[in-house]
């Protein structure tokens, strides 16, 4: 599941040889892995911005809901579907 999360957020399922500190965006510049909290009004499911290695994670009230929605988003992205 960790590899799928990494794929979802960065576009690659592997950590760079030099670690996360050398993670690059699509422009070749170093881009940190970033979790950005957003309101549920913005989006219901987590969404990723692979160009920036960023995930927009809605501020769920319960951890279980966060885990469930994240698993759905990762699975849908892996099968070629997108959630809007």
PDB file of N, CA and C in Angstrom:
ATOM      1  N   UNK A   1       0.828  -1.199   0.000  1.00  0.00           N
ATOM      2  CA  UNK A   1       0.000   0.000   0.000  1.00  0.00           C
ATOM      3  C   UNK A   1       0.875   1.267   0.000  1.00  0.00           C
ATOM      4  N   UNK A   2       2.030   1.205   0.642  1.00  0.00           N
ATOM      5  CA  UNK A   2       2.917   2.377   0.658  1.00  0.00           C
ATOM      6  C   UNK A   2       3.406   2.729  -0.740  1.00  0.00           C
ATOM      7  N   UNK A   3       3.739   1.693  -1.516  1.00  0.00           N
ATOM      8  CA  UNK A   3       4.203   1.933  -2.882  1.00  0.00           C
ATOM      9  C   UNK A   3       3.089   2.557  -3.725  1.00  0.00           C
ATOM     10  N   UNK A   4       1.853   2.112  -3.514  1.00  0.00           N
ATOM     11  CA  UNK A   4       0.723   2.689  -4.254  1.00  0.00           C
ATOM     12  C   UNK A   4       0.492   4.146  -3.854  1.00  0.00           C
ATOM     13  N   UNK A   5       0.633   4.444  -2.563  1.00  0.00           N
ATOM     14  CA  UNK A   5       0.494   5.830  -2.110  1.00  0.00           C
ATOM     15  C   UNK A   5       1.575   6.695  -2.739  1.00  0.00           C
ATOM     16  N   UNK A   6       2.801   6.204  -2.745  1.00  0.00           N
ATOM     17  CA  UNK A   6       3.898   6.946  -3.361  1.00  0.00           C
ATOM     18  C   UNK A   6       3.648   7.158  -4.850  1.00  0.00           C
ATOM     19  N   UNK A   7       3.142   6.131  -5.526  1.00  0.00           N
ATOM     20  CA  UNK A   7       2.795   6.245  -6.946  1.00  0.00           C
ATOM     21  C   UNK A   7       1.702   7.282  -7.157  1.00  0.00           C
ATOM     22  N   UNK A   8       0.700   7.271  -6.287  1.00  0.00           N
ATOM     23  CA  UNK A   8      -0.433   8.201  -6.372  1.00  0.00           C
ATOM     24  C   UNK A   8       0.030   9.651  -6.241  1.00  0.00           C
ATOM     25  N   UNK A   9       0.939   9.907  -5.321  1.00  0.00           N
ATOM     26  CA  UNK A   9       1.350  11.283  -5.034  1.00  0.00           C
ATOM     27  C   UNK A   9       2.473  11.771  -5.941  1.00  0.00           C
ATOM     28  N   UNK A  10       3.421  10.889  -6.274  1.00  0.00           N
ATOM     29  CA  UNK A  10       4.606  11.339  -7.006  1.00  0.00           C
ATOM     30  C   UNK A  10       4.675  10.881  -8.455  1.00  0.00           C
ATOM     31  N   UNK A  11       3.894   9.871  -8.796  1.00  0.00           N
ATOM     32  CA  UNK A  11       3.961   9.335 -10.151  1.00  0.00           C
ATOM     33  C   UNK A  11       4.971   8.209 -10.288  1.00  0.00           C
ATOM     34  N   UNK A  12       5.671   7.867  -9.216  1.00  0.00           N
ATOM     35  CA  UNK A  12       6.614   6.764  -9.226  1.00  0.00           C
ATOM     36  C   UNK A  12       6.461   5.959  -7.942  1.00  0.00           C
ATOM     37  N   UNK A  13       6.651   4.655  -8.045  1.00  0.00           N
ATOM     38  CA  UNK A  13       6.443   3.812  -6.869  1.00  0.00           C
ATOM     39  C   UNK A  13       7.720   3.570  -6.076  1.00  0.00           C
ATOM     40  N   UNK A  14       8.819   4.132  -6.519  1.00  0.00           N
ATOM     41  CA  UNK A  14      10.090   3.923  -5.829  1.00  0.00           C
ATOM     42  C   UNK A  14      10.654   5.195  -5.226  1.00  0.00           C
ATOM     43  N   UNK A  15      11.316   5.027  -4.107  1.00  0.00           N
ATOM     44  CA  UNK A  15      12.004   6.145  -3.455  1.00  0.00           C
ATOM     45  C   UNK A  15      13.343   6.352  -4.161  1.00  0.00           C
ATOM     46  N   UNK A  16      13.742   7.588  -4.429  1.00  0.00           N
ATOM     47  CA  UNK A  16      15.035   7.832  -5.062  1.00  0.00           C
ATOM     48  C   UNK A  16      16.187   7.219  -4.241  1.00  0.00           C
ATOM     49  N   UNK A  17      17.264   6.875  -4.903  1.00  0.00           N
ATOM     50  CA  UNK A  17      18.405   6.245  -4.239  1.00  0.00           C
ATOM     51  C   UNK A  17      18.947   7.110  -3.100  1.00  0.00           C
ATOM     52  N   UNK A  18      18.856   8.416  -3.233  1.00  0.00           N
ATOM     53  CA  UNK A  18      19.352   9.331  -2.198  1.00  0.00           C
ATOM     54  C   UNK A  18      18.269   9.689  -1.178  1.00  0.00           C
ATOM     55  N   UNK A  19      17.109   9.036  -1.270  1.00  0.00           N
ATOM     56  CA  UNK A  19      16.033   9.272  -0.306  1.00  0.00           C
ATOM     57  C   UNK A  19      15.077  10.383  -0.716  1.00  0.00           C
ATOM     58  N   UNK A  20      14.128  10.641   0.170  1.00  0.00           N
ATOM     59  CA  UNK A  20      13.093  11.629  -0.114  1.00  0.00           C
ATOM     60  C   UNK A  20      13.649  13.036  -0.302  1.00  0.00           C
ATOM     61  N   UNK A  21      14.794  13.313   0.247  1.00  0.00           N
ATOM     62  CA  UNK A  21      15.367  14.658   0.104  1.00  0.00           C
ATOM     63  C   UNK A  21      15.743  14.976  -1.341  1.00  0.00           C
ATOM     64  N   UNK A  22      15.831  13.962  -2.186  1.00  0.00           N
ATOM     65  CA  UNK A  22      16.167  14.192  -3.596  1.00  0.00           C
ATOM     66  C   UNK A  22      14.984  13.900  -4.529  1.00  0.00           C
ATOM     67  N   UNK A  23      13.796  13.819  -3.980  1.00  0.00           N
ATOM     68  CA  UNK A  23      12.597  13.560  -4.780  1.00  0.00           C
ATOM     69  C   UNK A  23      12.358  14.725  -5.735  1.00  0.00           C
ATOM     70  N   UNK A  24      12.196  14.423  -7.013  1.00  0.00           N
ATOM     71  CA  UNK A  24      12.055  15.469  -8.025  1.00  0.00           C
ATOM     72  C   UNK A  24      10.637  15.538  -8.567  1.00  0.00           C
ATOM     73  N   UNK A  25      10.255  16.734  -8.988  1.00  0.00           N
ATOM     74  CA  UNK A  25       9.009  16.932  -9.711  1.00  0.00           C
ATOM     75  C   UNK A  25       9.239  16.655 -11.183  1.00  0.00           C
ATOM     76  N   UNK A  26       8.217  16.845 -12.004  1.00  0.00           N
ATOM     77  CA  UNK A  26       8.373  16.547 -13.429  1.00  0.00           C
ATOM     78  C   UNK A  26       9.276  17.541 -14.149  1.00  0.00           C
ATOM     79  N   UNK A  27       9.578  18.673 -13.510  1.00  0.00           N
ATOM     80  CA  UNK A  27      10.472  19.655 -14.118  1.00  0.00           C
ATOM     81  C   UNK A  27      11.942  19.416 -13.769  1.00  0.00           C
ATOM     82  N   UNK A  28      12.208  18.358 -12.981  1.00  0.00           N
ATOM     83  CA  UNK A  28      13.580  18.027 -12.616  1.00  0.00           C
ATOM     84  C   UNK A  28      14.063  18.695 -11.344  1.00  0.00           C
ATOM     85  N   UNK A  29      13.307  19.649 -10.825  1.00  0.00           N
ATOM     86  CA  UNK A  29      13.676  20.315  -9.575  1.00  0.00           C
ATOM     87  C   UNK A  29      13.254  19.472  -8.379  1.00  0.00           C
ATOM     88  N   UNK A  30      13.985  19.613  -7.287  1.00  0.00           N
ATOM     89  CA  UNK A  30      13.647  18.884  -6.066  1.00  0.00           C
ATOM     90  C   UNK A  30      12.330  19.423  -5.532  1.00  0.00           C
ATOM     91  N   UNK A  31      11.403  18.502  -5.283  1.00  0.00           N
ATOM     92  CA  UNK A  31      10.080  18.837  -4.731  1.00  0.00           C
ATOM     93  C   UNK A  31       9.816  17.922  -3.553  1.00  0.00           C
ATOM     94  N   UNK A  32       9.608  18.498  -2.385  1.00  0.00           N
ATOM     95  CA  UNK A  32       9.348  17.695  -1.202  1.00  0.00           C
ATOM     96  C   UNK A  32       7.993  17.013  -1.296  1.00  0.00           C
ATOM     97  N   UNK A  33       7.891  15.839  -0.670  1.00  0.00           N
ATOM     98  CA  UNK A  33       6.615  15.147  -0.522  1.00  0.00           C
ATOM     99  C   UNK A  33       5.795  15.977   0.456  1.00  0.00           C
ATOM    100  N   UNK A  34       4.635  16.465   0.001  1.00  0.00           N
ATOM    101  CA  UNK A  34       3.861  17.397   0.806  1.00  0.00           C
ATOM    102  C   UNK A  34       2.423  16.919   0.985  1.00  0.00           C
ATOM    103  N   UNK A  35       1.944  17.003   2.217  1.00  0.00           N
ATOM    104  CA  UNK A  35       0.542  16.728   2.525  1.00  0.00           C
ATOM    105  C   UNK A  35      -0.116  18.068   2.815  1.00  0.00           C
ATOM    106  N   UNK A  36      -1.144  18.384   2.024  1.00  0.00           N
ATOM    107  CA  UNK A  36      -1.835  19.667   2.131  1.00  0.00           C
ATOM    108  C   UNK A  36      -3.259  19.414   2.610  1.00  0.00           C
ATOM    109  N   UNK A  37      -3.599  19.873   3.791  1.00  0.00           N
ATOM    110  CA  UNK A  37      -4.953  19.706   4.319  1.00  0.00           C
ATOM    111  C   UNK A  37      -5.921  20.649   3.639  1.00  0.00           C
ATOM    112  N   UNK A  38      -7.059  20.115   3.190  1.00  0.00           N
ATOM    113  CA  UNK A  38      -8.088  20.925   2.539  1.00  0.00           C
ATOM    114  C   UNK A  38      -9.443  20.625   3.179  1.00  0.00           C
ATOM    115  N   UNK A  39     -10.369  21.543   3.032  1.00  0.00           N
ATOM    116  CA  UNK A  39     -11.704  21.335   3.586  1.00  0.00           C
ATOM    117  C   UNK A  39     -12.480  20.351   2.724  1.00  0.00           C
ATOM    118  N   UNK A  40     -13.480  19.750   3.316  1.00  0.00           N
ATOM    119  CA  UNK A  40     -14.332  18.819   2.565  1.00  0.00           C
ATOM    120  C   UNK A  40     -15.131  19.542   1.487  1.00  0.00           C
ATOM    121  N   UNK A  41     -15.271  20.861   1.603  1.00  0.00           N
ATOM    122  CA  UNK A  41     -15.933  21.643   0.550  1.00  0.00           C
ATOM    123  C   UNK A  41     -15.086  21.663  -0.725  1.00  0.00           C
ATOM    124  N   UNK A  42     -13.782  21.568  -0.558  1.00  0.00           N
ATOM    125  CA  UNK A  42     -12.860  21.596  -1.694  1.00  0.00           C
ATOM    126  C   UNK A  42     -12.896  20.280  -2.462  1.00  0.00           C
ATOM    127  N   UNK A  43     -12.796  19.175  -1.739  1.00  0.00           N
ATOM    128  CA  UNK A  43     -12.868  17.848  -2.356  1.00  0.00           C
ATOM    129  C   UNK A  43     -13.228  16.819  -1.290  1.00  0.00           C
ATOM    130  N   UNK A  44     -13.916  15.767  -1.706  1.00  0.00           N
ATOM    131  CA  UNK A  44     -14.351  14.719  -0.785  1.00  0.00           C
ATOM    132  C   UNK A  44     -13.297  13.621  -0.681  1.00  0.00           C
ATOM    133  N   UNK A  45     -12.609  13.363  -1.784  1.00  0.00           N
ATOM    134  CA  UNK A  45     -11.568  12.340  -1.823  1.00  0.00           C
ATOM    135  C   UNK A  45     -10.200  13.001  -1.934  1.00  0.00           C
ATOM    136  N   UNK A  46      -9.168  12.340  -1.441  1.00  0.00           N
ATOM    137  CA  UNK A  46      -7.814  12.868  -1.623  1.00  0.00           C
ATOM    138  C   UNK A  46      -7.492  13.003  -3.109  1.00  0.00           C
ATOM    139  N   UNK A  47      -6.728  14.024  -3.441  1.00  0.00           N
ATOM    140  CA  UNK A  47      -6.281  14.162  -4.827  1.00  0.00           C
ATOM    141  C   UNK A  47      -4.809  14.516  -4.834  1.00  0.00           C
ATOM    142  N   UNK A  48      -4.172  14.104  -5.884  1.00  0.00           N
ATOM    143  CA  UNK A  48      -2.726  14.288  -5.946  1.00  0.00           C
ATOM    144  C   UNK A  48      -2.340  15.257  -7.059  1.00  0.00           C
ATOM    145  N   UNK A  49      -1.176  15.839  -6.863  1.00  0.00           N
ATOM    146  CA  UNK A  49      -0.560  16.713  -7.856  1.00  0.00           C
ATOM    147  C   UNK A  49       0.850  16.166  -8.060  1.00  0.00           C
ATOM    148  N   UNK A  50       0.979  15.210  -8.983  1.00  0.00           N
ATOM    149  CA  UNK A  50       2.253  14.510  -9.149  1.00  0.00           C
ATOM    150  C   UNK A  50       3.375  15.435  -9.612  1.00  0.00           C
ATOM    151  N   UNK A  51       3.044  16.534 -10.278  1.00  0.00           N
ATOM    152  CA  UNK A  51       4.085  17.482 -10.707  1.00  0.00           C
ATOM    153  C   UNK A  51       4.797  18.104  -9.510  1.00  0.00           C
ATOM    154  N   UNK A  52       4.066  18.200  -8.392  1.00  0.00           N
ATOM    155  CA  UNK A  52       4.602  18.861  -7.197  1.00  0.00           C
ATOM    156  C   UNK A  52       4.810  17.908  -6.027  1.00  0.00           C
ATOM    157  N   UNK A  53       4.558  16.601  -6.233  1.00  0.00           N
ATOM    158  CA  UNK A  53       4.670  15.595  -5.165  1.00  0.00           C
ATOM    159  C   UNK A  53       3.799  15.973  -3.966  1.00  0.00           C
ATOM    160  N   UNK A  54       2.587  16.412  -4.265  1.00  0.00           N
ATOM    161  CA  UNK A  54       1.689  16.901  -3.220  1.00  0.00           C
ATOM    162  C   UNK A  54       0.371  16.149  -3.245  1.00  0.00           C
ATOM    163  N   UNK A  55      -0.153  15.884  -2.047  1.00  0.00           N
ATOM    164  CA  UNK A  55      -1.479  15.302  -1.920  1.00  0.00           C
ATOM    165  C   UNK A  55      -2.357  16.290  -1.163  1.00  0.00           C
ATOM    166  N   UNK A  56      -3.539  16.543  -1.716  1.00  0.00           N
ATOM    167  CA  UNK A  56      -4.561  17.328  -1.019  1.00  0.00           C
ATOM    168  C   UNK A  56      -5.397  16.334  -0.239  1.00  0.00           C
ATOM    169  N   UNK A  57      -5.318  16.401   1.071  1.00  0.00           N
ATOM    170  CA  UNK A  57      -6.000  15.455   1.935  1.00  0.00           C
ATOM    171  C   UNK A  57      -7.109  16.179   2.697  1.00  0.00           C
ATOM    172  N   UNK A  58      -8.372  15.842   2.387  1.00  0.00           N
ATOM    173  CA  UNK A  58      -9.482  16.488   3.107  1.00  0.00           C
ATOM    174  C   UNK A  58      -9.365  16.249   4.616  1.00  0.00           C
ATOM    175  N   UNK A  59      -9.834  17.197   5.380  1.00  0.00           N
ATOM    176  CA  UNK A  59      -9.769  17.124   6.838  1.00  0.00           C
ATOM    177  C   UNK A  59     -10.979  16.358   7.360  1.00  0.00           C
ATOM    178  N   UNK A  60     -10.859  15.030   7.345  1.00  0.00           N
ATOM    179  CA  UNK A  60     -11.929  14.158   7.822  1.00  0.00           C
ATOM    180  C   UNK A  60     -11.990  14.198   9.342  1.00  0.00           C
ATOM    181  N   UNK A  61     -13.174  13.946   9.882  1.00  0.00           N
ATOM    182  CA  UNK A  61     -13.335  13.934  11.333  1.00  0.00           C
ATOM    183  C   UNK A  61     -12.801  12.645  11.954  1.00  0.00           C
ATOM    184  N   UNK A  62     -12.876  11.544  11.223  1.00  0.00           N
ATOM    185  CA  UNK A  62     -12.455  10.248  11.743  1.00  0.00           C
ATOM    186  C   UNK A  62     -11.299   9.675  10.923  1.00  0.00           C
ATOM    187  N   UNK A  63     -10.350   9.091  11.604  1.00  0.00           N
ATOM    188  CA  UNK A  63      -9.203   8.461  10.940  1.00  0.00           C
ATOM    189  C   UNK A  63      -9.650   7.355   9.989  1.00  0.00           C
ATOM    190  N   UNK A  64     -10.658   6.586  10.404  1.00  0.00           N
ATOM    191  CA  UNK A  64     -11.139   5.479   9.587  1.00  0.00           C
ATOM    192  C   UNK A  64     -11.672   5.971   8.244  1.00  0.00           C
ATOM    193  N   UNK A  65     -12.379   7.093   8.266  1.00  0.00           N
ATOM    194  CA  UNK A  65     -12.901   7.656   7.017  1.00  0.00           C
ATOM    195  C   UNK A  65     -11.750   8.097   6.121  1.00  0.00           C
ATOM    196  N   UNK A  66     -10.738   8.682   6.711  1.00  0.00           N
ATOM    197  CA  UNK A  66      -9.562   9.103   5.943  1.00  0.00           C
ATOM    198  C   UNK A  66      -8.902   7.904   5.272  1.00  0.00           C
ATOM    199  N   UNK A  67      -8.704   6.836   6.025  1.00  0.00           N
ATOM    200  CA  UNK A  67      -8.085   5.632   5.471  1.00  0.00           C
ATOM    201  C   UNK A  67      -8.923   5.043   4.339  1.00  0.00           C
ATOM    202  N   UNK A  68     -10.239   4.984   4.537  1.00  0.00           N
ATOM    203  CA  UNK A  68     -11.137   4.421   3.527  1.00  0.00           C
ATOM    204  C   UNK A  68     -11.105   5.237   2.240  1.00  0.00           C
ATOM    205  N   UNK A  69     -11.226   6.550   2.364  1.00  0.00           N
ATOM    206  CA  UNK A  69     -11.244   7.421   1.174  1.00  0.00           C
ATOM    207  C   UNK A  69      -9.888   7.407   0.465  1.00  0.00           C
ATOM    208  N   UNK A  70      -8.817   7.333   1.232  1.00  0.00           N
ATOM    209  CA  UNK A  70      -7.492   7.285   0.630  1.00  0.00           C
ATOM    210  C   UNK A  70      -7.296   5.990  -0.150  1.00  0.00           C
ATOM    211  N   UNK A  71      -7.729   4.875   0.422  1.00  0.00           N
ATOM    212  CA  UNK A  71      -7.630   3.588  -0.284  1.00  0.00           C
ATOM    213  C   UNK A  71      -8.434   3.615  -1.577  1.00  0.00           C
ATOM    214  N   UNK A  72      -9.628   4.193  -1.541  1.00  0.00           N
ATOM    215  CA  UNK A  72     -10.463   4.282  -2.751  1.00  0.00           C
ATOM    216  C   UNK A  72      -9.764   5.124  -3.809  1.00  0.00           C
ATOM    217  N   UNK A  73      -9.258   6.288  -3.418  1.00  0.00           N
ATOM    218  CA  UNK A  73      -8.600   7.183  -4.374  1.00  0.00           C
ATOM    219  C   UNK A  73      -7.374   6.521  -4.999  1.00  0.00           C
ATOM    220  N   UNK A  74      -6.569   5.852  -4.182  1.00  0.00           N
ATOM    221  CA  UNK A  74      -5.362   5.188  -4.689  1.00  0.00           C
ATOM    222  C   UNK A  74      -5.729   4.053  -5.639  1.00  0.00           C
ATOM    223  N   UNK A  75      -6.732   3.273  -5.280  1.00  0.00           N
ATOM    224  CA  UNK A  75      -7.163   2.151  -6.117  1.00  0.00           C
ATOM    225  C   UNK A  75      -7.733   2.638  -7.443  1.00  0.00           C
ATOM    226  N   UNK A  76      -8.548   3.673  -7.395  1.00  0.00           N
ATOM    227  CA  UNK A  76      -9.141   4.208  -8.627  1.00  0.00           C
ATOM    228  C   UNK A  76      -8.063   4.761  -9.558  1.00  0.00           C
ATOM    229  N   UNK A  77      -7.089   5.453  -9.002  1.00  0.00           N
ATOM    230  CA  UNK A  77      -6.001   6.001  -9.824  1.00  0.00           C
ATOM    231  C   UNK A  77      -5.169   4.886 -10.443  1.00  0.00           C
ATOM    232  N   UNK A  78      -4.954   3.810  -9.683  1.00  0.00           N
ATOM    233  CA  UNK A  78      -4.147   2.684 -10.184  1.00  0.00           C
ATOM    234  C   UNK A  78      -4.838   1.942 -11.319  1.00  0.00           C
ATOM    235  N   UNK A  79      -6.182   2.012 -11.366  1.00  0.00           N
ATOM    236  CA  UNK A  79      -6.922   1.320 -12.418  1.00  0.00           C
ATOM    237  C   UNK A  79      -7.287   2.249 -13.576  1.00  0.00           C
ATOM    238  N   UNK A  80      -6.802   3.493 -13.511  1.00  0.00           N
ATOM    239  CA  UNK A  80      -7.028   4.416 -14.614  1.00  0.00           C
ATOM    240  C   UNK A  80      -8.253   5.287 -14.493  1.00  0.00           C
ATOM    241  N   UNK A  81      -8.910   5.261 -13.355  1.00  0.00           N
ATOM    242  CA  UNK A  81     -10.075   6.116 -13.140  1.00  0.00           C
ATOM    243  C   UNK A  81      -9.704   7.262 -12.229  1.00  0.00           C
ATOM    244  N   UNK A  82     -10.376   8.376 -12.401  1.00  0.00           N
ATOM    245  CA  UNK A  82     -10.125   9.559 -11.580  1.00  0.00           C
ATOM    246  C   UNK A  82     -11.422   9.924 -10.860  1.00  0.00           C
ATOM    247  N   UNK A  83     -11.287  10.435  -9.673  1.00  0.00           N
ATOM    248  CA  UNK A  83     -12.450  10.845  -8.881  1.00  0.00           C
ATOM    249  C   UNK A  83     -12.463  12.353  -8.814  1.00  0.00           C
ATOM    250  N   UNK A  84     -13.543  12.940  -9.199  1.00  0.00           N
ATOM    251  CA  UNK A  84     -13.694  14.398  -9.112  1.00  0.00           C
ATOM    252  C   UNK A  84     -14.714  14.727  -8.066  1.00  0.00           C
TER     253      UNK A  84
END
